[in-house]
Amino acid sequence: MSSSTLPRESFLAIAAVVAADGLLKQDESKALARAVSAYGLSPEDAEAVTSAATERVELASIDLSELDGWQQAVTYAVASWLAQVDGVVNAAELSTLRQLGEQLGLPRPKLEAARSAAYDIAALPRDQRPDKYDFSGLEARLAEKLPALHRASLPPSVR
């Protein structure tokens, strides 16, 4: 289970990225399902995300305006990670990732940190690398890269 809460809209956006090339590969589909499960989406929301990936939902149709800064960063990091889970980030996925970054409105350095967190995990030595679907590990790496944004997402008693 992940430590953050991401809304359905985050996963609809992530689905738009992984399915952008029209080829929802088995690794991508499995990773998306694991992410939905890790973040505790309801069965109805999980079904909507699966449909969005299968039917190639348009990213522009998803309202991401209610996400806080940490949710924006985690959404972008998870989308970056799942886009490359099959070993290839093609032009369509990369273009949709760029569009997601613009739609989220995070400053470029924070987007780069989110993308970097996803790629850093893949570059870790095997004995230090989290499981392929360890979203808590991804968030921990992201929190190292964006500590102020992470702290701002925590309840005041924990900050």
N, C-alpha and C. Protein backbone atom coordinates (compact mmCIF):
# COMPACT_ATOMS: atom_id res chain seq x y z
N MET A 1 0.84 -1.18 0.00
CA MET A 1 0.00 0.00 0.00
C MET A 1 0.89 1.24 0.00
N SER A 2 0.46 2.26 -0.70
CA SER A 2 1.21 3.50 -0.77
C SER A 2 0.83 4.41 0.39
N SER A 3 1.72 5.35 0.70
CA SER A 3 1.44 6.27 1.80
C SER A 3 0.57 7.45 1.37
N SER A 4 0.53 7.74 0.08
CA SER A 4 -0.26 8.86 -0.42
C SER A 4 -1.64 8.40 -0.86
N THR A 5 -2.49 9.39 -1.04
CA THR A 5 -3.80 9.14 -1.62
C THR A 5 -3.83 9.85 -2.96
N LEU A 6 -4.14 9.11 -3.99
CA LEU A 6 -4.31 9.72 -5.30
C LEU A 6 -5.75 9.50 -5.74
N PRO A 7 -6.37 10.54 -6.28
CA PRO A 7 -7.76 10.40 -6.72
C PRO A 7 -7.86 9.69 -8.07
N ARG A 8 -9.06 9.34 -8.38
CA ARG A 8 -9.38 8.68 -9.66
C ARG A 8 -8.79 9.46 -10.83
N GLU A 9 -8.87 10.78 -10.78
CA GLU A 9 -8.39 11.60 -11.89
C GLU A 9 -6.91 11.39 -12.16
N SER A 10 -6.13 11.19 -11.09
CA SER A 10 -4.70 10.91 -11.28
C SER A 10 -4.52 9.66 -12.13
N PHE A 11 -5.29 8.63 -11.82
CA PHE A 11 -5.14 7.37 -12.54
C PHE A 11 -5.71 7.41 -13.94
N LEU A 12 -6.72 8.24 -14.15
CA LEU A 12 -7.21 8.43 -15.51
C LEU A 12 -6.11 9.08 -16.35
N ALA A 13 -5.40 10.04 -15.77
CA ALA A 13 -4.30 10.70 -16.47
C ALA A 13 -3.15 9.71 -16.72
N ILE A 14 -2.83 8.90 -15.72
CA ILE A 14 -1.78 7.89 -15.88
C ILE A 14 -2.17 6.90 -16.98
N ALA A 15 -3.44 6.50 -17.00
CA ALA A 15 -3.92 5.59 -18.04
C ALA A 15 -3.78 6.23 -19.43
N ALA A 16 -4.05 7.52 -19.52
CA ALA A 16 -3.90 8.21 -20.80
C ALA A 16 -2.45 8.17 -21.29
N VAL A 17 -1.51 8.27 -20.37
CA VAL A 17 -0.09 8.23 -20.74
C VAL A 17 0.31 6.83 -21.20
N VAL A 18 -0.01 5.80 -20.40
CA VAL A 18 0.45 4.46 -20.76
C VAL A 18 -0.23 3.91 -22.01
N ALA A 19 -1.41 4.41 -22.32
CA ALA A 19 -2.12 3.93 -23.51
C ALA A 19 -2.00 4.89 -24.69
N ALA A 20 -1.17 5.90 -24.56
CA ALA A 20 -1.08 6.94 -25.59
C ALA A 20 -0.68 6.40 -26.96
N ASP A 21 0.11 5.34 -26.98
CA ASP A 21 0.56 4.80 -28.26
C ASP A 21 -0.43 3.81 -28.87
N GLY A 22 -1.55 3.58 -28.17
CA GLY A 22 -2.56 2.66 -28.68
C GLY A 22 -2.22 1.20 -28.44
N LEU A 23 -1.11 0.95 -27.75
CA LEU A 23 -0.67 -0.41 -27.48
C LEU A 23 -0.51 -0.59 -25.98
N LEU A 24 -1.57 -0.98 -25.32
CA LEU A 24 -1.49 -1.23 -23.88
C LEU A 24 -0.90 -2.62 -23.69
N LYS A 25 0.41 -2.64 -23.46
CA LYS A 25 1.12 -3.91 -23.33
C LYS A 25 0.80 -4.56 -21.99
N GLN A 26 1.06 -5.86 -21.91
CA GLN A 26 0.76 -6.62 -20.71
C GLN A 26 1.47 -6.04 -19.48
N ASP A 27 2.76 -5.68 -19.61
CA ASP A 27 3.48 -5.09 -18.49
C ASP A 27 2.83 -3.79 -18.02
N GLU A 28 2.42 -2.97 -18.98
CA GLU A 28 1.79 -1.70 -18.64
C GLU A 28 0.44 -1.92 -17.97
N SER A 29 -0.34 -2.84 -18.51
CA SER A 29 -1.65 -3.14 -17.94
C SER A 29 -1.51 -3.68 -16.52
N LYS A 30 -0.57 -4.58 -16.32
CA LYS A 30 -0.33 -5.15 -14.99
C LYS A 30 0.14 -4.08 -14.01
N ALA A 31 1.05 -3.22 -14.46
CA ALA A 31 1.56 -2.15 -13.60
C ALA A 31 0.46 -1.16 -13.23
N LEU A 32 -0.39 -0.83 -14.18
CA LEU A 32 -1.50 0.08 -13.91
C LEU A 32 -2.45 -0.53 -12.89
N ALA A 33 -2.77 -1.81 -13.06
CA ALA A 33 -3.65 -2.49 -12.10
C ALA A 33 -3.02 -2.53 -10.71
N ARG A 34 -1.72 -2.78 -10.63
CA ARG A 34 -1.04 -2.79 -9.34
C ARG A 34 -1.06 -1.41 -8.69
N ALA A 35 -0.87 -0.37 -9.49
CA ALA A 35 -0.90 0.99 -8.96
C ALA A 35 -2.28 1.33 -8.40
N VAL A 36 -3.31 0.99 -9.16
CA VAL A 36 -4.68 1.24 -8.72
C VAL A 36 -4.94 0.53 -7.40
N SER A 37 -4.46 -0.69 -7.29
CA SER A 37 -4.63 -1.46 -6.05
C SER A 37 -3.81 -0.85 -4.91
N ALA A 38 -2.57 -0.48 -5.18
CA ALA A 38 -1.69 0.07 -4.15
C ALA A 38 -2.24 1.36 -3.56
N TYR A 39 -2.93 2.14 -4.38
CA TYR A 39 -3.47 3.41 -3.90
C TYR A 39 -4.91 3.29 -3.42
N GLY A 40 -5.45 2.07 -3.42
CA GLY A 40 -6.74 1.81 -2.80
C GLY A 40 -7.96 2.41 -3.50
N LEU A 41 -7.93 2.47 -4.83
CA LEU A 41 -9.11 2.96 -5.53
C LEU A 41 -10.27 1.98 -5.38
N SER A 42 -11.47 2.50 -5.38
CA SER A 42 -12.66 1.66 -5.28
C SER A 42 -12.77 0.79 -6.53
N PRO A 43 -13.53 -0.30 -6.45
CA PRO A 43 -13.72 -1.14 -7.65
C PRO A 43 -14.30 -0.36 -8.83
N GLU A 44 -15.20 0.57 -8.54
CA GLU A 44 -15.80 1.37 -9.62
C GLU A 44 -14.75 2.26 -10.28
N ASP A 45 -13.91 2.89 -9.45
CA ASP A 45 -12.86 3.73 -10.00
C ASP A 45 -11.83 2.90 -10.76
N ALA A 46 -11.50 1.73 -10.23
CA ALA A 46 -10.55 0.84 -10.91
C ALA A 46 -11.08 0.45 -12.28
N GLU A 47 -12.37 0.17 -12.37
CA GLU A 47 -12.98 -0.18 -13.65
C GLU A 47 -12.92 1.01 -14.62
N ALA A 48 -13.16 2.21 -14.10
CA ALA A 48 -13.09 3.41 -14.95
C ALA A 48 -11.68 3.62 -15.49
N VAL A 49 -10.67 3.36 -14.67
CA VAL A 49 -9.28 3.51 -15.10
C VAL A 49 -8.94 2.48 -16.17
N THR A 50 -9.36 1.25 -15.96
CA THR A 50 -9.12 0.20 -16.95
C THR A 50 -9.78 0.56 -18.28
N SER A 51 -11.01 1.03 -18.21
CA SER A 51 -11.72 1.46 -19.43
C SER A 51 -11.01 2.62 -20.11
N ALA A 52 -10.52 3.56 -19.31
CA ALA A 52 -9.81 4.72 -19.86
C ALA A 52 -8.56 4.28 -20.62
N ALA A 53 -7.85 3.30 -20.07
CA ALA A 53 -6.65 2.81 -20.74
C ALA A 53 -7.01 2.06 -22.02
N THR A 54 -8.03 1.26 -21.95
CA THR A 54 -8.45 0.47 -23.11
C THR A 54 -9.01 1.34 -24.22
N GLU A 55 -9.76 2.36 -23.83
CA GLU A 55 -10.42 3.22 -24.82
C GLU A 55 -9.61 4.46 -25.17
N ARG A 56 -8.41 4.57 -24.60
CA ARG A 56 -7.51 5.70 -24.87
C ARG A 56 -8.18 7.05 -24.59
N VAL A 57 -8.49 7.29 -23.34
CA VAL A 57 -9.09 8.55 -22.93
C VAL A 57 -8.15 9.71 -23.29
N GLU A 58 -8.74 10.82 -23.65
CA GLU A 58 -7.96 12.02 -23.97
C GLU A 58 -7.56 12.72 -22.67
N LEU A 59 -6.30 12.98 -22.51
CA LEU A 59 -5.79 13.63 -21.31
C LEU A 59 -6.46 14.98 -21.07
N ALA A 60 -6.71 15.72 -22.12
CA ALA A 60 -7.32 17.05 -21.99
C ALA A 60 -8.72 17.00 -21.37
N SER A 61 -9.37 15.84 -21.42
CA SER A 61 -10.72 15.72 -20.87
C SER A 61 -10.73 15.46 -19.36
N ILE A 62 -9.56 15.33 -18.75
CA ILE A 62 -9.47 14.99 -17.33
C ILE A 62 -9.15 16.24 -16.52
N ASP A 63 -9.96 16.49 -15.51
CA ASP A 63 -9.77 17.66 -14.66
C ASP A 63 -8.82 17.32 -13.52
N LEU A 64 -7.63 17.89 -13.55
CA LEU A 64 -6.62 17.64 -12.53
C LEU A 64 -6.44 18.83 -11.59
N SER A 65 -7.35 19.77 -11.67
CA SER A 65 -7.20 21.03 -10.93
C SER A 65 -7.31 20.88 -9.42
N GLU A 66 -7.90 19.81 -8.94
CA GLU A 66 -8.07 19.62 -7.49
C GLU A 66 -6.89 18.94 -6.81
N LEU A 67 -5.90 18.50 -7.58
CA LEU A 67 -4.74 17.83 -7.00
C LEU A 67 -3.85 18.84 -6.29
N ASP A 68 -3.36 18.46 -5.10
CA ASP A 68 -2.39 19.32 -4.44
C ASP A 68 -1.01 19.08 -5.06
N GLY A 69 -0.02 19.84 -4.65
CA GLY A 69 1.31 19.76 -5.26
C GLY A 69 1.93 18.38 -5.15
N TRP A 70 1.80 17.74 -4.00
CA TRP A 70 2.37 16.40 -3.83
C TRP A 70 1.66 15.39 -4.73
N GLN A 71 0.33 15.46 -4.80
CA GLN A 71 -0.42 14.56 -5.67
C GLN A 71 -0.02 14.78 -7.13
N GLN A 72 0.21 16.02 -7.51
CA GLN A 72 0.66 16.30 -8.87
C GLN A 72 2.00 15.63 -9.14
N ALA A 73 2.94 15.77 -8.20
CA ALA A 73 4.27 15.20 -8.38
C ALA A 73 4.20 13.67 -8.42
N VAL A 74 3.42 13.08 -7.53
CA VAL A 74 3.30 11.61 -7.50
C VAL A 74 2.62 11.12 -8.77
N THR A 75 1.59 11.81 -9.22
CA THR A 75 0.92 11.44 -10.47
C THR A 75 1.91 11.42 -11.62
N TYR A 76 2.71 12.48 -11.72
CA TYR A 76 3.69 12.56 -12.81
C TYR A 76 4.76 11.48 -12.68
N ALA A 77 5.22 11.23 -11.45
CA ALA A 77 6.25 10.20 -11.23
C ALA A 77 5.72 8.81 -11.59
N VAL A 78 4.50 8.50 -11.14
CA VAL A 78 3.92 7.19 -11.45
C VAL A 78 3.69 7.05 -12.96
N ALA A 79 3.21 8.10 -13.59
CA ALA A 79 3.01 8.06 -15.05
C ALA A 79 4.34 7.84 -15.76
N SER A 80 5.39 8.52 -15.31
CA SER A 80 6.72 8.35 -15.91
C SER A 80 7.22 6.93 -15.73
N TRP A 81 7.01 6.38 -14.54
CA TRP A 81 7.47 5.03 -14.25
C TRP A 81 6.72 4.00 -15.09
N LEU A 82 5.39 4.12 -15.13
CA LEU A 82 4.60 3.13 -15.86
C LEU A 82 4.80 3.24 -17.37
N ALA A 83 5.09 4.44 -17.84
CA ALA A 83 5.35 4.59 -19.27
C ALA A 83 6.60 3.82 -19.70
N GLN A 84 7.55 3.67 -18.79
CA GLN A 84 8.79 2.98 -19.15
C GLN A 84 8.88 1.57 -18.59
N VAL A 85 7.79 1.06 -17.97
CA VAL A 85 7.84 -0.26 -17.35
C VAL A 85 8.07 -1.37 -18.38
N ASP A 86 7.69 -1.13 -19.63
CA ASP A 86 7.91 -2.14 -20.67
C ASP A 86 9.27 -1.98 -21.34
N GLY A 87 10.07 -1.03 -20.84
CA GLY A 87 11.42 -0.84 -21.37
C GLY A 87 11.52 0.21 -22.46
N VAL A 88 10.38 0.75 -22.91
CA VAL A 88 10.39 1.71 -24.00
C VAL A 88 9.40 2.84 -23.70
N VAL A 89 9.86 4.08 -23.84
CA VAL A 89 8.95 5.22 -23.80
C VAL A 89 8.95 5.78 -25.22
N ASN A 90 7.86 5.52 -25.94
CA ASN A 90 7.83 5.95 -27.34
C ASN A 90 7.38 7.40 -27.47
N ALA A 91 7.36 7.89 -28.69
CA ALA A 91 7.06 9.30 -28.94
C ALA A 91 5.67 9.70 -28.46
N ALA A 92 4.68 8.84 -28.65
CA ALA A 92 3.32 9.16 -28.22
C ALA A 92 3.24 9.26 -26.70
N GLU A 93 3.88 8.32 -26.00
CA GLU A 93 3.88 8.36 -24.53
C GLU A 93 4.63 9.59 -24.04
N LEU A 94 5.76 9.89 -24.65
CA LEU A 94 6.55 11.06 -24.26
C LEU A 94 5.77 12.35 -24.48
N SER A 95 5.07 12.44 -25.58
CA SER A 95 4.26 13.62 -25.87
C SER A 95 3.14 13.77 -24.84
N THR A 96 2.50 12.66 -24.49
CA THR A 96 1.42 12.71 -23.51
C THR A 96 1.96 13.03 -22.12
N LEU A 97 3.16 12.54 -21.80
CA LEU A 97 3.80 12.90 -20.53
C LEU A 97 4.05 14.42 -20.47
N ARG A 98 4.53 14.97 -21.58
CA ARG A 98 4.75 16.43 -21.63
C ARG A 98 3.43 17.18 -21.43
N GLN A 99 2.39 16.71 -22.10
CA GLN A 99 1.07 17.32 -21.96
C GLN A 99 0.59 17.21 -20.51
N LEU A 100 0.82 16.06 -19.88
CA LEU A 100 0.44 15.89 -18.47
C LEU A 100 1.18 16.91 -17.61
N GLY A 101 2.46 17.07 -17.83
CA GLY A 101 3.23 18.06 -17.08
C GLY A 101 2.65 19.45 -17.21
N GLU A 102 2.29 19.83 -18.43
CA GLU A 102 1.69 21.15 -18.65
C GLU A 102 0.34 21.26 -17.95
N GLN A 103 -0.45 20.22 -18.05
CA GLN A 103 -1.78 20.24 -17.45
C GLN A 103 -1.70 20.30 -15.92
N LEU A 104 -0.71 19.63 -15.33
CA LEU A 104 -0.55 19.66 -13.88
C LEU A 104 -0.10 21.03 -13.40
N GLY A 105 0.66 21.72 -14.22
CA GLY A 105 1.11 23.06 -13.85
C GLY A 105 2.26 23.10 -12.87
N LEU A 106 2.93 21.98 -12.64
CA LEU A 106 4.11 21.99 -11.77
C LEU A 106 5.26 22.67 -12.48
N PRO A 107 6.07 23.43 -11.75
CA PRO A 107 7.25 24.03 -12.39
C PRO A 107 8.18 22.95 -12.95
N ARG A 108 8.88 23.30 -13.99
CA ARG A 108 9.75 22.35 -14.68
C ARG A 108 10.72 21.61 -13.74
N PRO A 109 11.38 22.29 -12.79
CA PRO A 109 12.29 21.55 -11.90
C PRO A 109 11.59 20.46 -11.09
N LYS A 110 10.35 20.69 -10.70
CA LYS A 110 9.61 19.67 -9.95
C LYS A 110 9.19 18.52 -10.86
N LEU A 111 8.83 18.83 -12.10
CA LEU A 111 8.53 17.77 -13.06
C LEU A 111 9.77 16.91 -13.32
N GLU A 112 10.91 17.59 -13.46
CA GLU A 112 12.16 16.85 -13.69
C GLU A 112 12.50 15.98 -12.50
N ALA A 113 12.27 16.48 -11.29
CA ALA A 113 12.53 15.68 -10.09
C ALA A 113 11.61 14.46 -10.04
N ALA A 114 10.36 14.64 -10.41
CA ALA A 114 9.41 13.52 -10.43
C ALA A 114 9.82 12.49 -11.46
N ARG A 115 10.19 12.94 -12.64
CA ARG A 115 10.63 12.01 -13.69
C ARG A 115 11.92 11.32 -13.27
N SER A 116 12.82 12.09 -12.68
CA SER A 116 14.09 11.55 -12.23
C SER A 116 13.92 10.48 -11.15
N ALA A 117 12.96 10.69 -10.25
CA ALA A 117 12.72 9.70 -9.20
C ALA A 117 12.36 8.35 -9.81
N ALA A 118 11.55 8.38 -10.86
CA ALA A 118 11.16 7.13 -11.52
C ALA A 118 12.37 6.47 -12.18
N TYR A 119 13.20 7.25 -12.84
CA TYR A 119 14.36 6.67 -13.52
C TYR A 119 15.46 6.28 -12.54
N ASP A 120 15.59 7.00 -11.45
CA ASP A 120 16.61 6.66 -10.44
C ASP A 120 16.41 5.26 -9.90
N ILE A 121 15.16 4.88 -9.70
CA ILE A 121 14.87 3.56 -9.14
C ILE A 121 15.38 2.47 -10.07
N ALA A 122 15.18 2.66 -11.35
CA ALA A 122 15.63 1.65 -12.31
C ALA A 122 17.16 1.54 -12.34
N ALA A 123 17.85 2.62 -11.96
CA ALA A 123 19.32 2.63 -12.01
C ALA A 123 19.97 2.15 -10.70
N LEU A 124 19.19 1.93 -9.66
CA LEU A 124 19.75 1.49 -8.39
C LEU A 124 20.33 0.08 -8.52
N PRO A 125 21.35 -0.23 -7.73
CA PRO A 125 21.85 -1.62 -7.72
C PRO A 125 20.71 -2.56 -7.33
N ARG A 126 20.72 -3.75 -7.88
CA ARG A 126 19.62 -4.70 -7.67
C ARG A 126 19.25 -4.88 -6.20
N ASP A 127 20.23 -4.95 -5.31
CA ASP A 127 19.93 -5.19 -3.90
C ASP A 127 19.31 -3.98 -3.21
N GLN A 128 19.33 -2.82 -3.86
CA GLN A 128 18.73 -1.62 -3.28
C GLN A 128 17.48 -1.18 -4.03
N ARG A 129 17.19 -1.81 -5.14
CA ARG A 129 16.07 -1.42 -5.99
C ARG A 129 14.76 -1.95 -5.43
N PRO A 130 13.74 -1.10 -5.33
CA PRO A 130 12.45 -1.61 -4.88
C PRO A 130 11.84 -2.51 -5.95
N ASP A 131 10.86 -3.28 -5.54
CA ASP A 131 10.13 -4.12 -6.46
C ASP A 131 9.61 -3.29 -7.63
N LYS A 132 9.45 -3.93 -8.77
CA LYS A 132 8.99 -3.27 -9.99
C LYS A 132 7.69 -2.47 -9.76
N TYR A 133 6.89 -2.92 -8.81
CA TYR A 133 5.62 -2.26 -8.54
C TYR A 133 5.56 -1.68 -7.13
N ASP A 134 6.70 -1.30 -6.58
CA ASP A 134 6.77 -0.76 -5.23
C ASP A 134 6.56 0.76 -5.28
N PHE A 135 5.30 1.17 -5.20
CA PHE A 135 4.98 2.58 -5.32
C PHE A 135 5.41 3.37 -4.09
N SER A 136 5.47 2.71 -2.94
CA SER A 136 6.00 3.37 -1.74
C SER A 136 7.48 3.70 -1.93
N GLY A 137 8.21 2.79 -2.58
CA GLY A 137 9.62 3.05 -2.87
C GLY A 137 9.78 4.24 -3.80
N LEU A 138 8.91 4.34 -4.78
CA LEU A 138 8.94 5.49 -5.69
C LEU A 138 8.65 6.78 -4.93
N GLU A 139 7.65 6.75 -4.06
CA GLU A 139 7.33 7.94 -3.29
C GLU A 139 8.46 8.34 -2.34
N ALA A 140 9.12 7.35 -1.76
CA ALA A 140 10.24 7.66 -0.86
C ALA A 140 11.35 8.37 -1.63
N ARG A 141 11.63 7.89 -2.84
CA ARG A 141 12.66 8.54 -3.66
C ARG A 141 12.21 9.94 -4.06
N LEU A 142 10.95 10.09 -4.38
CA LEU A 142 10.41 11.40 -4.74
C LEU A 142 10.48 12.36 -3.56
N ALA A 143 10.21 11.86 -2.36
CA ALA A 143 10.27 12.70 -1.16
C ALA A 143 11.70 13.18 -0.91
N GLU A 144 12.69 12.38 -1.28
CA GLU A 144 14.09 12.80 -1.16
C GLU A 144 14.38 13.95 -2.12
N LYS A 145 13.78 13.89 -3.28
CA LYS A 145 14.04 14.89 -4.31
C LYS A 145 13.22 16.17 -4.12
N LEU A 146 12.04 16.04 -3.51
CA LEU A 146 11.14 17.18 -3.32
C LEU A 146 10.69 17.24 -1.85
N PRO A 147 11.62 17.42 -0.92
CA PRO A 147 11.25 17.35 0.50
C PRO A 147 10.24 18.41 0.94
N ALA A 148 10.36 19.63 0.44
CA ALA A 148 9.43 20.69 0.86
C ALA A 148 8.02 20.39 0.37
N LEU A 149 7.90 19.91 -0.84
CA LEU A 149 6.59 19.58 -1.39
C LEU A 149 5.97 18.41 -0.62
N HIS A 150 6.79 17.45 -0.26
CA HIS A 150 6.31 16.31 0.51
C HIS A 150 5.86 16.76 1.90
N ARG A 151 6.68 17.55 2.58
CA ARG A 151 6.33 18.04 3.92
C ARG A 151 5.02 18.81 3.89
N ALA A 152 4.81 19.61 2.85
CA ALA A 152 3.58 20.41 2.76
C ALA A 152 2.35 19.53 2.64
N SER A 153 2.52 18.30 2.18
CA SER A 153 1.38 17.40 2.02
C SER A 153 1.03 16.67 3.32
N LEU A 154 1.92 16.73 4.29
CA LEU A 154 1.72 16.01 5.55
C LEU A 154 0.81 16.80 6.50
N PRO A 155 0.09 16.09 7.36
CA PRO A 155 -0.72 16.81 8.36
C PRO A 155 0.19 17.66 9.26
N PRO A 156 -0.29 18.78 9.75
CA PRO A 156 0.54 19.68 10.56
C PRO A 156 1.22 18.98 11.75
N SER A 157 0.58 18.01 12.34
CA SER A 157 1.17 17.33 13.50
C SER A 157 2.38 16.49 13.13
N VAL A 158 2.55 16.15 11.85
CA VAL A 158 3.65 15.31 11.40
C VAL A 158 4.80 16.13 10.82
N ARG A 159 4.52 17.33 10.36
CA ARG A 159 5.54 18.17 9.72
C ARG A 159 6.62 18.45 10.70
